[in-house]
Amino acid sequence: LSSPAVSPDGKTVVFTVQEWSIEKNKSTSNLWLV
């Protein structure tokens, strides 16, 4: 997890989730909300 940012109204957080592939030797990352 990285880079959390809280919404202007303080009700929601967006953050990045990075996942690694050992097989491909590389990563992907997507945005999540909570």
Full PDB file with SEQRES, HELIX, SHEET, SSBOND, CRYST1, ORIGX, SCALE, CONECT and MASTER records, all heavy atoms in Angstrom:
SEQRES   1 A   34  LEU SER SER PRO ALA VAL SER PRO ASP GLY LYS THR VAL          
SEQRES   2 A   34  VAL PHE THR VAL GLN GLU TRP SER ILE GLU LYS ASN LYS          
SEQRES   3 A   34  SER THR SER ASN LEU TRP LEU VAL                              
SHEET    1 AA1 3 SER A   2  VAL A   6  0                                        
SHEET    2 AA1 3 VAL A  13  SER A  21 -1                                        
SHEET    3 AA1 3 LYS A  26  LEU A  33 -1                                        
CRYST1    1.000    1.000    1.000  90.00  90.00  90.00 P 1           1          
ORIGX1      1.000000  0.000000  0.000000        0.00000                         
ORIGX2      0.000000  1.000000  0.000000        0.00000                         
ORIGX3      0.000000  0.000000  1.000000        0.00000                         
SCALE1      1.000000  0.000000  0.000000        0.00000                         
SCALE2      0.000000  1.000000  0.000000        0.00000                         
SCALE3      0.000000  0.000000  1.000000        0.00000                         
ATOM      1  N   LEU A   1       0.834  -1.195   0.000  1.00  0.00           N  
ATOM      2  CA  LEU A   1       0.000   0.000   0.000  1.00  0.00           C  
ATOM      3  C   LEU A   1       0.873   1.250   0.000  1.00  0.00           C  
ATOM      4  O   LEU A   1       1.931   1.280   0.637  1.00  0.00           O  
ATOM      5  CB  LEU A   1      -0.920   0.031   1.218  1.00  0.00           C  
ATOM      6  CG  LEU A   1      -2.188  -0.829   1.192  1.00  0.00           C  
ATOM      7  CD1 LEU A   1      -1.874  -2.312   1.106  1.00  0.00           C  
ATOM      8  CD2 LEU A   1      -3.056  -0.533   2.423  1.00  0.00           C  
ATOM      9  N   SER A   2       0.418   2.297  -0.685  1.00  0.00           N  
ATOM     10  CA  SER A   2       1.153   3.554  -0.719  1.00  0.00           C  
ATOM     11  C   SER A   2       0.218   4.697  -1.092  1.00  0.00           C  
ATOM     12  O   SER A   2      -0.933   4.488  -1.489  1.00  0.00           O  
ATOM     13  CB  SER A   2       2.323   3.486  -1.718  1.00  0.00           C  
ATOM     14  OG  SER A   2       1.844   3.326  -3.039  1.00  0.00           O  
ATOM     15  N   SER A   3       0.731   5.921  -0.965  1.00  0.00           N  
ATOM     16  CA  SER A   3       0.146   7.160  -1.485  1.00  0.00           C  
ATOM     17  C   SER A   3      -1.320   7.390  -1.118  1.00  0.00           C  
ATOM     18  O   SER A   3      -2.148   7.666  -1.976  1.00  0.00           O  
ATOM     19  CB  SER A   3       0.280   7.183  -3.021  1.00  0.00           C  
ATOM     20  OG  SER A   3       1.598   6.959  -3.424  1.00  0.00           O  
ATOM     21  N   PRO A   4      -1.690   7.323   0.171  1.00  0.00           N  
ATOM     22  CA  PRO A   4      -3.083   7.622   0.527  1.00  0.00           C  
ATOM     23  C   PRO A   4      -3.399   9.104   0.370  1.00  0.00           C  
ATOM     24  O   PRO A   4      -2.558   9.966   0.658  1.00  0.00           O  
ATOM     25  CB  PRO A   4      -3.164   7.193   1.990  1.00  0.00           C  
ATOM     26  CG  PRO A   4      -1.768   7.343   2.513  1.00  0.00           C  
ATOM     27  CD  PRO A   4      -0.867   6.999   1.354  1.00  0.00           C  
ATOM     28  N   ALA A   5      -4.590   9.397  -0.093  1.00  0.00           N  
ATOM     29  CA  ALA A   5      -5.055  10.780  -0.220  1.00  0.00           C  
ATOM     30  C   ALA A   5      -6.515  10.819   0.205  1.00  0.00           C  
ATOM     31  O   ALA A   5      -7.352  10.080  -0.332  1.00  0.00           O  
ATOM     32  CB  ALA A   5      -4.898  11.280  -1.655  1.00  0.00           C  
ATOM     33  N   VAL A   6      -6.831  11.690   1.176  1.00  0.00           N  
ATOM     34  CA  VAL A   6      -8.184  11.768   1.708  1.00  0.00           C  
ATOM     35  C   VAL A   6      -8.982  12.789   0.902  1.00  0.00           C  
ATOM     36  O   VAL A   6      -8.460  13.815   0.459  1.00  0.00           O  
ATOM     37  CB  VAL A   6      -8.156  12.119   3.217  1.00  0.00           C  
ATOM     38  CG1 VAL A   6      -7.538  13.475   3.455  1.00  0.00           C  
ATOM     39  CG2 VAL A   6      -9.537  12.044   3.830  1.00  0.00           C  
ATOM     40  N   SER A   7     -10.257  12.489   0.662  1.00  0.00           N  
ATOM     41  CA  SER A   7     -11.122  13.350  -0.144  1.00  0.00           C  
ATOM     42  C   SER A   7     -11.364  14.681   0.550  1.00  0.00           C  
ATOM     43  O   SER A   7     -11.214  14.797   1.778  1.00  0.00           O  
ATOM     44  CB  SER A   7     -12.447  12.647  -0.417  1.00  0.00           C  
ATOM     45  OG  SER A   7     -13.122  12.366   0.805  1.00  0.00           O  
ATOM     46  N   PRO A   8     -11.741  15.726  -0.201  1.00  0.00           N  
ATOM     47  CA  PRO A   8     -11.957  17.045   0.415  1.00  0.00           C  
ATOM     48  C   PRO A   8     -12.977  17.051   1.546  1.00  0.00           C  
ATOM     49  O   PRO A   8     -12.851  17.854   2.474  1.00  0.00           O  
ATOM     50  CB  PRO A   8     -12.435  17.900  -0.768  1.00  0.00           C  
ATOM     51  CG  PRO A   8     -11.815  17.258  -1.963  1.00  0.00           C  
ATOM     52  CD  PRO A   8     -11.838  15.785  -1.673  1.00  0.00           C  
ATOM     53  N   ASP A   9     -13.977  16.155   1.503  1.00  0.00           N  
ATOM     54  CA  ASP A   9     -14.958  16.102   2.586  1.00  0.00           C  
ATOM     55  C   ASP A   9     -14.538  15.178   3.720  1.00  0.00           C  
ATOM     56  O   ASP A   9     -15.260  15.039   4.713  1.00  0.00           O  
ATOM     57  CB  ASP A   9     -16.339  15.701   2.060  1.00  0.00           C  
ATOM     58  CG  ASP A   9     -16.355  14.297   1.444  1.00  0.00           C  
ATOM     59  OD1 ASP A   9     -15.339  13.564   1.542  1.00  0.00           O  
ATOM     60  OD2 ASP A   9     -17.383  13.932   0.847  1.00  0.00           O  
ATOM     61  N   GLY A  10     -13.360  14.541   3.595  1.00  0.00           N  
ATOM     62  CA  GLY A  10     -12.837  13.685   4.652  1.00  0.00           C  
ATOM     63  C   GLY A  10     -13.506  12.328   4.769  1.00  0.00           C  
ATOM     64  O   GLY A  10     -13.210  11.578   5.702  1.00  0.00           O  
ATOM     65  N   LYS A  11     -14.351  11.966   3.826  1.00  0.00           N  
ATOM     66  CA  LYS A  11     -15.135  10.738   3.955  1.00  0.00           C  
ATOM     67  C   LYS A  11     -14.527   9.526   3.259  1.00  0.00           C  
ATOM     68  O   LYS A  11     -14.897   8.385   3.558  1.00  0.00           O  
ATOM     69  CB  LYS A  11     -16.557  10.977   3.427  1.00  0.00           C  
ATOM     70  CG  LYS A  11     -17.360  11.988   4.238  1.00  0.00           C  
ATOM     71  CD  LYS A  11     -18.763  12.160   3.672  1.00  0.00           C  
ATOM     72  CE  LYS A  11     -19.571  13.150   4.516  1.00  0.00           C  
ATOM     73  NZ  LYS A  11     -20.942  13.341   3.973  1.00  0.00           N  
ATOM     74  N   THR A  12     -13.610   9.743   2.331  1.00  0.00           N  
ATOM     75  CA  THR A  12     -13.077   8.643   1.514  1.00  0.00           C  
ATOM     76  C   THR A  12     -11.575   8.812   1.330  1.00  0.00           C  
ATOM     77  O   THR A  12     -11.074   9.929   1.246  1.00  0.00           O  
ATOM     78  CB  THR A  12     -13.766   8.613   0.134  1.00  0.00           C  
ATOM     79  OG1 THR A  12     -15.180   8.665   0.301  1.00  0.00           O  
ATOM     80  CG2 THR A  12     -13.399   7.346  -0.631  1.00  0.00           C  
ATOM     81  N   VAL A  13     -10.885   7.689   1.249  1.00  0.00           N  
ATOM     82  CA  VAL A  13      -9.449   7.701   0.986  1.00  0.00           C  
ATOM     83  C   VAL A  13      -9.178   6.910  -0.290  1.00  0.00           C  
ATOM     84  O   VAL A  13      -9.703   5.796  -0.462  1.00  0.00           O  
ATOM     85  CB  VAL A  13      -8.650   7.071   2.144  1.00  0.00           C  
ATOM     86  CG1 VAL A  13      -7.153   7.228   1.892  1.00  0.00           C  
ATOM     87  CG2 VAL A  13      -9.028   7.695   3.471  1.00  0.00           C  
ATOM     88  N   VAL A  14      -8.381   7.470  -1.163  1.00  0.00           N  
ATOM     89  CA  VAL A  14      -7.873   6.715  -2.302  1.00  0.00           C  
ATOM     90  C   VAL A  14      -6.427   6.351  -1.987  1.00  0.00           C  
ATOM     91  O   VAL A  14      -5.688   7.128  -1.381  1.00  0.00           O  
ATOM     92  CB  VAL A  14      -7.965   7.522  -3.613  1.00  0.00           C  
ATOM     93  CG1 VAL A  14      -7.121   8.787  -3.556  1.00  0.00           C  
ATOM     94  CG2 VAL A  14      -7.558   6.664  -4.810  1.00  0.00           C  
ATOM     95  N   PHE A  15      -6.020   5.155  -2.367  1.00  0.00           N  
ATOM     96  CA  PHE A  15      -4.653   4.717  -2.135  1.00  0.00           C  
ATOM     97  C   PHE A  15      -4.253   3.737  -3.228  1.00  0.00           C  
ATOM     98  O   PHE A  15      -5.090   3.218  -3.974  1.00  0.00           O  
ATOM     99  CB  PHE A  15      -4.496   4.094  -0.738  1.00  0.00           C  
ATOM    100  CG  PHE A  15      -5.388   2.906  -0.464  1.00  0.00           C  
ATOM    101  CD1 PHE A  15      -4.904   1.611  -0.561  1.00  0.00           C  
ATOM    102  CD2 PHE A  15      -6.718   3.093  -0.092  1.00  0.00           C  
ATOM    103  CE1 PHE A  15      -5.715   0.519  -0.306  1.00  0.00           C  
ATOM    104  CE2 PHE A  15      -7.546   2.004   0.169  1.00  0.00           C  
ATOM    105  CZ  PHE A  15      -7.050   0.722   0.061  1.00  0.00           C  
ATOM    106  N   THR A  16      -2.948   3.505  -3.326  1.00  0.00           N  
ATOM    107  CA  THR A  16      -2.407   2.617  -4.353  1.00  0.00           C  
ATOM    108  C   THR A  16      -2.071   1.265  -3.748  1.00  0.00           C  
ATOM    109  O   THR A  16      -1.510   1.197  -2.647  1.00  0.00           O  
ATOM    110  CB  THR A  16      -1.138   3.238  -4.971  1.00  0.00           C  
ATOM    111  OG1 THR A  16      -1.468   4.480  -5.579  1.00  0.00           O  
ATOM    112  CG2 THR A  16      -0.533   2.319  -6.021  1.00  0.00           C  
ATOM    113  N   VAL A  17      -2.404   0.205  -4.467  1.00  0.00           N  
ATOM    114  CA  VAL A  17      -2.014  -1.147  -4.082  1.00  0.00           C  
ATOM    115  C   VAL A  17      -1.148  -1.729  -5.207  1.00  0.00           C  
ATOM    116  O   VAL A  17      -1.606  -1.860  -6.340  1.00  0.00           O  
ATOM    117  CB  VAL A  17      -3.233  -2.051  -3.827  1.00  0.00           C  
ATOM    118  CG1 VAL A  17      -2.768  -3.476  -3.520  1.00  0.00           C  
ATOM    119  CG2 VAL A  17      -4.077  -1.502  -2.679  1.00  0.00           C  
ATOM    120  N   GLN A  18       0.084  -2.045  -4.863  1.00  0.00           N  
ATOM    121  CA  GLN A  18       1.009  -2.625  -5.828  1.00  0.00           C  
ATOM    122  C   GLN A  18       1.101  -4.127  -5.613  1.00  0.00           C  
ATOM    123  O   GLN A  18       1.198  -4.602  -4.480  1.00  0.00           O  
ATOM    124  CB  GLN A  18       2.392  -1.997  -5.668  1.00  0.00           C  
ATOM    125  CG  GLN A  18       3.426  -2.491  -6.671  1.00  0.00           C  
ATOM    126  CD  GLN A  18       4.833  -2.013  -6.329  1.00  0.00           C  
ATOM    127  OE1 GLN A  18       5.308  -2.206  -5.217  1.00  0.00           O  
ATOM    128  NE2 GLN A  18       5.494  -1.371  -7.289  1.00  0.00           N  
ATOM    129  N   GLU A  19       1.064  -4.895  -6.710  1.00  0.00           N  
ATOM    130  CA  GLU A  19       1.195  -6.352  -6.661  1.00  0.00           C  
ATOM    131  C   GLU A  19       2.318  -6.774  -7.603  1.00  0.00           C  
ATOM    132  O   GLU A  19       2.422  -6.269  -8.725  1.00  0.00           O  
ATOM    133  CB  GLU A  19      -0.114  -7.028  -7.054  1.00  0.00           C  
ATOM    134  CG  GLU A  19      -1.279  -6.671  -6.144  1.00  0.00           C  
ATOM    135  CD  GLU A  19      -2.571  -7.367  -6.535  1.00  0.00           C  
ATOM    136  OE1 GLU A  19      -2.608  -8.616  -6.459  1.00  0.00           O  
ATOM    137  OE2 GLU A  19      -3.522  -6.670  -6.922  1.00  0.00           O  
ATOM    138  N   TRP A  20       3.132  -7.721  -7.128  1.00  0.00           N  
ATOM    139  CA  TRP A  20       4.282  -8.182  -7.895  1.00  0.00           C  
ATOM    140  C   TRP A  20       4.055  -9.588  -8.438  1.00  0.00           C  
ATOM    141  O   TRP A  20       3.458 -10.432  -7.775  1.00  0.00           O  
ATOM    142  CB  TRP A  20       5.542  -8.183  -7.030  1.00  0.00           C  
ATOM    143  CG  TRP A  20       6.163  -6.831  -6.891  1.00  0.00           C  
ATOM    144  CD1 TRP A  20       5.906  -5.899  -5.938  1.00  0.00           C  
ATOM    145  CD2 TRP A  20       7.144  -6.259  -7.753  1.00  0.00           C  
ATOM    146  NE1 TRP A  20       6.663  -4.773  -6.145  1.00  0.00           N  
ATOM    147  CE2 TRP A  20       7.440  -4.969  -7.250  1.00  0.00           C  
ATOM    148  CE3 TRP A  20       7.804  -6.709  -8.898  1.00  0.00           C  
ATOM    149  CZ2 TRP A  20       8.371  -4.128  -7.861  1.00  0.00           C  
ATOM    150  CZ3 TRP A  20       8.735  -5.872  -9.500  1.00  0.00           C  
ATOM    151  CH2 TRP A  20       9.007  -4.602  -8.987  1.00  0.00           C  
ATOM    152  N   SER A  21       4.557  -9.822  -9.641  1.00  0.00           N  
ATOM    153  CA  SER A  21       4.580 -11.155 -10.232  1.00  0.00           C  
ATOM    154  C   SER A  21       6.019 -11.661 -10.236  1.00  0.00           C  
ATOM    155  O   SER A  21       6.893 -11.070 -10.892  1.00  0.00           O  
ATOM    156  CB  SER A  21       4.035 -11.125 -11.666  1.00  0.00           C  
ATOM    157  OG  SER A  21       4.336 -12.337 -12.333  1.00  0.00           O  
ATOM    158  N   ILE A  22       6.262 -12.739  -9.493  1.00  0.00           N  
ATOM    159  CA  ILE A  22       7.589 -13.352  -9.517  1.00  0.00           C  
ATOM    160  C   ILE A  22       7.866 -13.926 -10.900  1.00  0.00           C  
ATOM    161  O   ILE A  22       8.968 -13.796 -11.446  1.00  0.00           O  
ATOM    162  CB  ILE A  22       7.692 -14.443  -8.440  1.00  0.00           C  
ATOM    163  CG1 ILE A  22       7.561 -13.828  -7.043  1.00  0.00           C  
ATOM    164  CG2 ILE A  22       9.009 -15.208  -8.559  1.00  0.00           C  
ATOM    165  CD1 ILE A  22       7.476 -14.849  -5.926  1.00  0.00           C  
ATOM    166  N   GLU A  23       6.860 -14.544 -11.479  1.00  0.00           N  
ATOM    167  CA  GLU A  23       7.024 -15.176 -12.789  1.00  0.00           C  
ATOM    168  C   GLU A  23       7.406 -14.154 -13.860  1.00  0.00           C  
ATOM    169  O   GLU A  23       8.327 -14.372 -14.655  1.00  0.00           O  
ATOM    170  CB  GLU A  23       5.727 -15.879 -13.185  1.00  0.00           C  
ATOM    171  CG  GLU A  23       5.776 -16.546 -14.549  1.00  0.00           C  
ATOM    172  CD  GLU A  23       4.418 -17.098 -14.968  1.00  0.00           C  
ATOM    173  OE1 GLU A  23       3.448 -16.929 -14.215  1.00  0.00           O  
ATOM    174  OE2 GLU A  23       4.352 -17.690 -16.060  1.00  0.00           O  
ATOM    175  N   LYS A  24       6.706 -12.994 -13.868  1.00  0.00           N  
ATOM    176  CA  LYS A  24       6.979 -11.976 -14.887  1.00  0.00           C  
ATOM    177  C   LYS A  24       8.084 -11.013 -14.477  1.00  0.00           C  
ATOM    178  O   LYS A  24       8.544 -10.212 -15.292  1.00  0.00           O  
ATOM    179  CB  LYS A  24       5.700 -11.189 -15.179  1.00  0.00           C  
ATOM    180  CG  LYS A  24       4.582 -12.037 -15.769  1.00  0.00           C  
ATOM    181  CD  LYS A  24       3.325 -11.196 -15.994  1.00  0.00           C  
ATOM    182  CE  LYS A  24       2.193 -12.038 -16.571  1.00  0.00           C  
ATOM    183  NZ  LYS A  24       0.955 -11.234 -16.761  1.00  0.00           N  
ATOM    184  N   ASN A  25       8.476 -11.047 -13.198  1.00  0.00           N  
ATOM    185  CA  ASN A  25       9.536 -10.174 -12.694  1.00  0.00           C  
ATOM    186  C   ASN A  25       9.152  -8.704 -12.820  1.00  0.00           C  
ATOM    187  O   ASN A  25       9.995  -7.841 -13.077  1.00  0.00           O  
ATOM    188  CB  ASN A  25      10.844 -10.431 -13.439  1.00  0.00           C  
ATOM    189  CG  ASN A  25      12.048 -10.481 -12.499  1.00  0.00           C  
ATOM    190  OD1 ASN A  25      11.919 -10.806 -11.326  1.00  0.00           O  
ATOM    191  ND2 ASN A  25      13.213 -10.162 -13.026  1.00  0.00           N  
ATOM    192  N   LYS A  26       7.869  -8.388 -12.614  1.00  0.00           N  
ATOM    193  CA  LYS A  26       7.399  -7.014 -12.742  1.00  0.00           C  
ATOM    194  C   LYS A  26       6.160  -6.813 -11.872  1.00  0.00           C  
ATOM    195  O   LYS A  26       5.570  -7.776 -11.367  1.00  0.00           O  
ATOM    196  CB  LYS A  26       7.084  -6.676 -14.199  1.00  0.00           C  
ATOM    197  CG  LYS A  26       5.949  -7.499 -14.789  1.00  0.00           C  
ATOM    198  CD  LYS A  26       5.740  -7.204 -16.268  1.00  0.00           C  
ATOM    199  CE  LYS A  26       5.273  -5.807 -16.519  1.00  0.00           C  
ATOM    200  NZ  LYS A  26       4.928  -5.545 -17.945  1.00  0.00           N  
ATOM    201  N   SER A  27       5.759  -5.561 -11.742  1.00  0.00           N  
ATOM    202  CA  SER A  27       4.628  -5.234 -10.878  1.00  0.00           C  
ATOM    203  C   SER A  27       3.534  -4.522 -11.647  1.00  0.00           C  
ATOM    204  O   SER A  27       3.748  -3.984 -12.742  1.00  0.00           O  
ATOM    205  CB  SER A  27       5.082  -4.333  -9.725  1.00  0.00           C  
ATOM    206  OG  SER A  27       5.446  -3.046 -10.211  1.00  0.00           O  
ATOM    207  N   THR A  28       2.334  -4.519 -11.051  1.00  0.00           N  
ATOM    208  CA  THR A  28       1.230  -3.680 -11.483  1.00  0.00           C  
ATOM    209  C   THR A  28       0.701  -2.965 -10.242  1.00  0.00           C  
ATOM    210  O   THR A  28       0.905  -3.418  -9.112  1.00  0.00           O  
ATOM    211  CB  THR A  28       0.097  -4.488 -12.127  1.00  0.00           C  
ATOM    212  OG1 THR A  28      -0.369  -5.476 -11.191  1.00  0.00           O  
ATOM    213  CG2 THR A  28       0.569  -5.190 -13.387  1.00  0.00           C  
ATOM    214  N   SER A  29       0.033  -1.845 -10.449  1.00  0.00           N  
ATOM    215  CA  SER A  29      -0.557  -1.139  -9.318  1.00  0.00           C  
ATOM    216  C   SER A  29      -1.881  -0.523  -9.743  1.00  0.00           C  
ATOM    217  O   SER A  29      -2.038  -0.076 -10.882  1.00  0.00           O  
ATOM    218  CB  SER A  29       0.391  -0.060  -8.785  1.00  0.00           C  
ATOM    219  OG  SER A  29       0.782   0.824  -9.803  1.00  0.00           O  
ATOM    220  N   ASN A  30      -2.826  -0.530  -8.806  1.00  0.00           N  
ATOM    221  CA  ASN A  30      -4.159   0.009  -9.055  1.00  0.00           C  
ATOM    222  C   ASN A  30      -4.608   0.881  -7.904  1.00  0.00           C  
ATOM    223  O   ASN A  30      -4.044   0.832  -6.810  1.00  0.00           O  
ATOM    224  CB  ASN A  30      -5.168  -1.126  -9.274  1.00  0.00           C  
ATOM    225  CG  ASN A  30      -4.937  -1.896 -10.561  1.00  0.00           C  
ATOM    226  OD1 ASN A  30      -4.475  -3.027 -10.538  1.00  0.00           O  
ATOM    227  ND2 ASN A  30      -5.234  -1.272 -11.686  1.00  0.00           N  
ATOM    228  N   LEU A  31      -5.638   1.658  -8.158  1.00  0.00           N  
ATOM    229  CA  LEU A  31      -6.201   2.539  -7.148  1.00  0.00           C  
ATOM    230  C   LEU A  31      -7.356   1.849  -6.431  1.00  0.00           C  
ATOM    231  O   LEU A  31      -8.175   1.161  -7.056  1.00  0.00           O  
ATOM    232  CB  LEU A  31      -6.694   3.842  -7.775  1.00  0.00           C  
ATOM    233  CG  LEU A  31      -5.668   4.652  -8.570  1.00  0.00           C  
ATOM    234  CD1 LEU A  31      -6.305   5.937  -9.084  1.00  0.00           C  
ATOM    235  CD2 LEU A  31      -4.440   4.961  -7.733  1.00  0.00           C  
ATOM    236  N   TRP A  32      -7.406   2.054  -5.117  1.00  0.00           N  
ATOM    237  CA  TRP A  32      -8.470   1.519  -4.278  1.00  0.00           C  
ATOM    238  C   TRP A  32      -9.079   2.665  -3.478  1.00  0.00           C  
ATOM    239  O   TRP A  32      -8.448   3.698  -3.260  1.00  0.00           O  
ATOM    240  CB  TRP A  32      -7.913   0.472  -3.310  1.00  0.00           C  
ATOM    241  CG  TRP A  32      -7.531  -0.840  -3.946  1.00  0.00           C  
ATOM    242  CD1 TRP A  32      -6.606  -1.034  -4.926  1.00  0.00           C  
ATOM    243  CD2 TRP A  32      -8.066  -2.128  -3.634  1.00  0.00           C  
ATOM    244  NE1 TRP A  32      -6.513  -2.363  -5.246  1.00  0.00           N  
ATOM    245  CE2 TRP A  32      -7.399  -3.067  -4.464  1.00  0.00           C  
ATOM    246  CE3 TRP A  32      -9.014  -2.591  -2.731  1.00  0.00           C  
ATOM    247  CZ2 TRP A  32      -7.672  -4.424  -4.417  1.00  0.00           C  
ATOM    248  CZ3 TRP A  32      -9.292  -3.947  -2.674  1.00  0.00           C  
ATOM    249  CH2 TRP A  32      -8.634  -4.844  -3.514  1.00  0.00           C  
ATOM    250  N   LEU A  33     -10.334   2.455  -3.023  1.00  0.00           N  
ATOM    251  CA  LEU A  33     -11.036   3.408  -2.180  1.00  0.00           C  
ATOM    252  C   LEU A  33     -11.490   2.733  -0.901  1.00  0.00           C  
ATOM    253  O   LEU A  33     -11.819   1.538  -0.898  1.00  0.00           O  
ATOM    254  CB  LEU A  33     -12.266   3.978  -2.898  1.00  0.00           C  
ATOM    255  CG  LEU A  33     -12.051   4.807  -4.162  1.00  0.00           C  
ATOM    256  CD1 LEU A  33     -13.397   5.112  -4.811  1.00  0.00           C  
ATOM    257  CD2 LEU A  33     -11.324   6.103  -3.840  1.00  0.00           C  
ATOM    258  N   VAL A  34     -11.533   3.491   0.187  1.00  0.00           N  
ATOM    259  CA  VAL A  34     -12.117   3.009   1.429  1.00  0.00           C  
ATOM    260  C   VAL A  34     -12.734   4.202   2.144  1.00  0.00           C  
ATOM    261  O   VAL A  34     -12.198   5.316   2.094  1.00  0.00           O  
ATOM    262  CB  VAL A  34     -11.079   2.291   2.324  1.00  0.00           C  
ATOM    263  CG1 VAL A  34     -10.022   3.250   2.832  1.00  0.00           C  
ATOM    264  CG2 VAL A  34     -11.755   1.566   3.470  1.00  0.00           C  
TER     265      VAL A  34                                                      
MASTER        0    0    0    0    3    0    0    6  264    1    0    3          
END                                                                             
